[in-house]
Amino acid sequence: MIGANGNSVYDRLVTLMNRPDMKSDSAPRFASDATRVEAEGEINAVIEEYVSSLDAEEVIKNLEDARVPAGMIMTIEDVRTMDGWIDSREIQPRPALPNLRLSDDSLSPALTRSHPLSPALTRSLSSVHSSGTDLRR
C-alpha cells in the first residue's frame, strides 16, 4: 500500500521511480490530487511497473528512504509465519459475522449479525460488548 497523496509526497514517489515528467509541476494532469484522479490509470501503470521490477522488501525500503508512506499488505497467514511478529497461538479464527444479542424493555431479545473485528488476538479486547445506545428513546 502506497500513500502518495499531496504534491510533495507524490513528487517524491515519481522522483523515486525516475519519472520527473510526472511531477506535479510538469503537466496540468499531475498538478493536484484532483487532476491526478483523471490520470489514475497512467500513474498506476507506472507504479505497477516500478514495484514489479523489485522484490517487496526493496520496494518498501526505497519508499521509506524517499519518505513515501507505504506498507506491506499482509494476510493472517503472513502474520502467523513472520519471524518476530506475534506468536501464532495468539491468533484465533473468528466468525465472519459474530452474533450480537440485542434487547430492550419493549422487545424480546433478538440476535443480529455485526461487522467482524479481525484479526482476533487472544490478549485483546476486540469483542463486541454492546450494540450501542438505544436512540429510539
Protein backbone atom coordinates (compact mmCIF):
# COMPACT_ATOMS: atom_id res chain seq x y z
CA MET A 1 0.00 0.00 0.00
CA ILE A 2 1.47 3.32 -1.06
CA GLY A 3 0.12 6.61 0.29
CA ALA A 4 1.23 9.37 -2.07
CA ASN A 5 -1.48 11.99 -1.66
CA GLY A 6 -0.39 15.60 -1.67
CA ASN A 7 2.05 17.15 -4.09
CA SER A 8 5.21 16.82 -2.00
CA VAL A 9 4.76 13.10 -1.31
CA TYR A 10 3.57 12.42 -4.88
CA ASP A 11 6.63 14.25 -6.25
CA ARG A 12 8.93 12.14 -4.05
CA LEU A 13 7.24 8.99 -5.38
CA VAL A 14 7.64 9.86 -9.07
CA THR A 15 11.22 11.04 -8.44
CA LEU A 16 11.97 7.66 -6.87
CA MET A 17 10.52 5.95 -9.94
CA ASN A 18 12.73 8.14 -12.16
CA ARG A 19 9.73 9.86 -13.74
CA PRO A 20 10.38 13.63 -13.45
CA ASP A 21 7.95 14.09 -16.37
CA MET A 22 5.14 13.13 -13.96
CA LYS A 23 5.95 15.64 -11.19
CA SER A 24 3.18 17.96 -10.08
CA ASP A 25 4.78 20.95 -11.82
CA SER A 26 5.47 19.09 -15.10
CA ALA A 27 1.99 18.86 -16.62
CA PRO A 28 -1.53 20.06 -15.69
CA ARG A 29 -2.84 16.48 -15.35
CA PHE A 30 -0.37 15.90 -12.47
CA ALA A 31 -0.79 19.31 -10.80
CA SER A 32 -3.04 18.24 -7.89
CA ASP A 33 -4.74 15.28 -6.27
CA ALA A 34 -7.94 16.23 -8.08
CA THR A 35 -6.32 16.27 -11.54
CA ARG A 36 -4.26 13.15 -10.84
CA VAL A 37 -7.53 11.24 -10.37
CA GLU A 38 -8.11 11.72 -14.09
CA ALA A 39 -4.63 10.27 -14.80
CA GLU A 40 -5.01 7.44 -12.28
CA GLY A 41 -4.65 4.66 -14.87
CA GLU A 42 -1.41 6.12 -16.22
CA ILE A 43 0.00 6.69 -12.72
CA ASN A 44 -0.98 3.21 -11.53
CA ALA A 45 0.67 1.63 -14.59
CA VAL A 46 3.96 3.38 -13.79
CA ILE A 47 3.74 2.36 -10.13
CA GLU A 48 2.95 -1.23 -11.12
CA GLU A 49 5.93 -1.33 -13.47
CA TYR A 50 8.21 0.01 -10.72
CA VAL A 51 7.07 -2.30 -7.94
CA SER A 52 7.08 -5.38 -10.18
CA SER A 53 10.73 -4.75 -11.08
CA LEU A 54 11.91 -5.21 -7.45
CA ASP A 55 11.23 -7.55 -4.56
CA ALA A 56 8.74 -6.33 -1.94
CA GLU A 57 11.32 -5.61 0.76
CA GLU A 58 13.38 -3.46 -1.63
CA VAL A 59 10.28 -1.53 -2.72
CA ILE A 60 9.37 -0.79 0.93
CA LYS A 61 12.94 0.23 1.78
CA ASN A 62 13.14 2.55 -1.25
CA LEU A 63 9.78 4.12 -0.39
CA GLU A 64 10.82 4.62 3.24
CA ASP A 65 14.12 6.17 2.13
CA ALA A 66 12.18 8.52 -0.18
CA ARG A 67 9.81 9.38 2.70
CA VAL A 68 6.77 7.99 0.88
CA PRO A 69 4.31 6.30 3.28
CA ALA A 70 3.99 2.63 2.42
CA GLY A 71 3.48 -0.75 3.98
CA MET A 72 3.03 -4.37 3.10
CA ILE A 73 -0.47 -5.78 2.91
CA MET A 74 -0.33 -8.99 4.84
CA THR A 75 -2.65 -11.95 5.16
CA ILE A 76 -3.27 -13.63 8.51
CA GLU A 77 -1.00 -16.45 7.30
CA ASP A 78 1.76 -13.91 6.60
CA VAL A 79 1.44 -12.63 10.17
CA ARG A 80 1.39 -16.18 11.57
CA THR A 81 4.63 -17.11 9.83
CA MET A 82 6.60 -13.85 10.12
CA ASP A 83 9.58 -14.18 12.46
CA GLY A 84 9.49 -11.91 15.48
CA TRP A 85 5.97 -10.66 14.96
CA ILE A 86 3.38 -12.42 17.00
CA ASP A 87 3.02 -15.85 18.50
CA SER A 88 0.71 -17.74 16.13
CA ARG A 89 -1.14 -19.18 19.14
CA GLU A 90 -2.43 -15.66 19.83
CA ILE A 91 -4.29 -15.50 16.51
CA GLN A 92 -7.60 -17.32 16.61
CA PRO A 93 -10.28 -17.79 13.96
CA ARG A 94 -13.32 -15.56 14.33
CA PRO A 95 -16.74 -15.92 12.74
CA ALA A 96 -17.14 -13.67 9.71
CA LEU A 97 -20.25 -12.10 11.26
CA PRO A 98 -20.40 -12.65 15.02
CA ASN A 99 -23.77 -12.87 16.76
CA LEU A 100 -24.77 -9.90 18.87
CA ARG A 101 -27.68 -10.16 21.30
CA LEU A 102 -29.98 -7.14 21.28
CA SER A 103 -32.70 -6.42 23.79
CA ASP A 104 -34.65 -3.56 25.28
CA ASP A 105 -37.64 -3.10 27.60
CA SER A 106 -40.31 -3.42 24.93
CA LEU A 107 -38.86 -6.10 22.69
CA SER A 108 -37.83 -9.63 23.40
CA PRO A 109 -34.12 -10.35 22.96
CA ALA A 110 -33.10 -10.86 19.35
CA LEU A 111 -29.96 -11.99 17.61
CA THR A 112 -28.43 -9.96 14.83
CA ARG A 113 -25.15 -10.05 12.96
CA SER A 114 -22.46 -7.45 13.50
CA HIS A 115 -19.45 -6.39 11.45
CA PRO A 116 -16.40 -8.54 12.32
CA LEU A 117 -13.38 -7.28 14.22
CA SER A 118 -10.40 -9.00 12.60
CA PRO A 119 -7.98 -10.49 13.28
CA ALA A 120 -8.86 -11.81 16.70
CA LEU A 121 -5.92 -11.63 19.08
CA THR A 122 -6.31 -13.65 22.26
CA ARG A 123 -4.98 -10.90 24.55
CA SER A 124 -7.02 -8.10 23.01
CA LEU A 125 -10.40 -6.69 24.00
CA SER A 126 -11.70 -6.72 20.44
CA SER A 127 -15.08 -8.34 21.00
CA VAL A 128 -18.41 -6.56 20.70
CA HIS A 129 -19.69 -5.79 24.20
CA SER A 130 -22.65 -3.57 23.34
CA SER A 131 -24.79 -2.69 20.37
CA GLY A 132 -24.66 0.95 21.46
CA THR A 133 -27.18 3.35 22.93
CA ASP A 134 -30.84 2.91 22.10
CA LEU A 135 -31.57 6.03 20.06
CA ARG A 136 -35.34 5.44 19.91
CA ARG A 137 -35.91 6.97 23.36
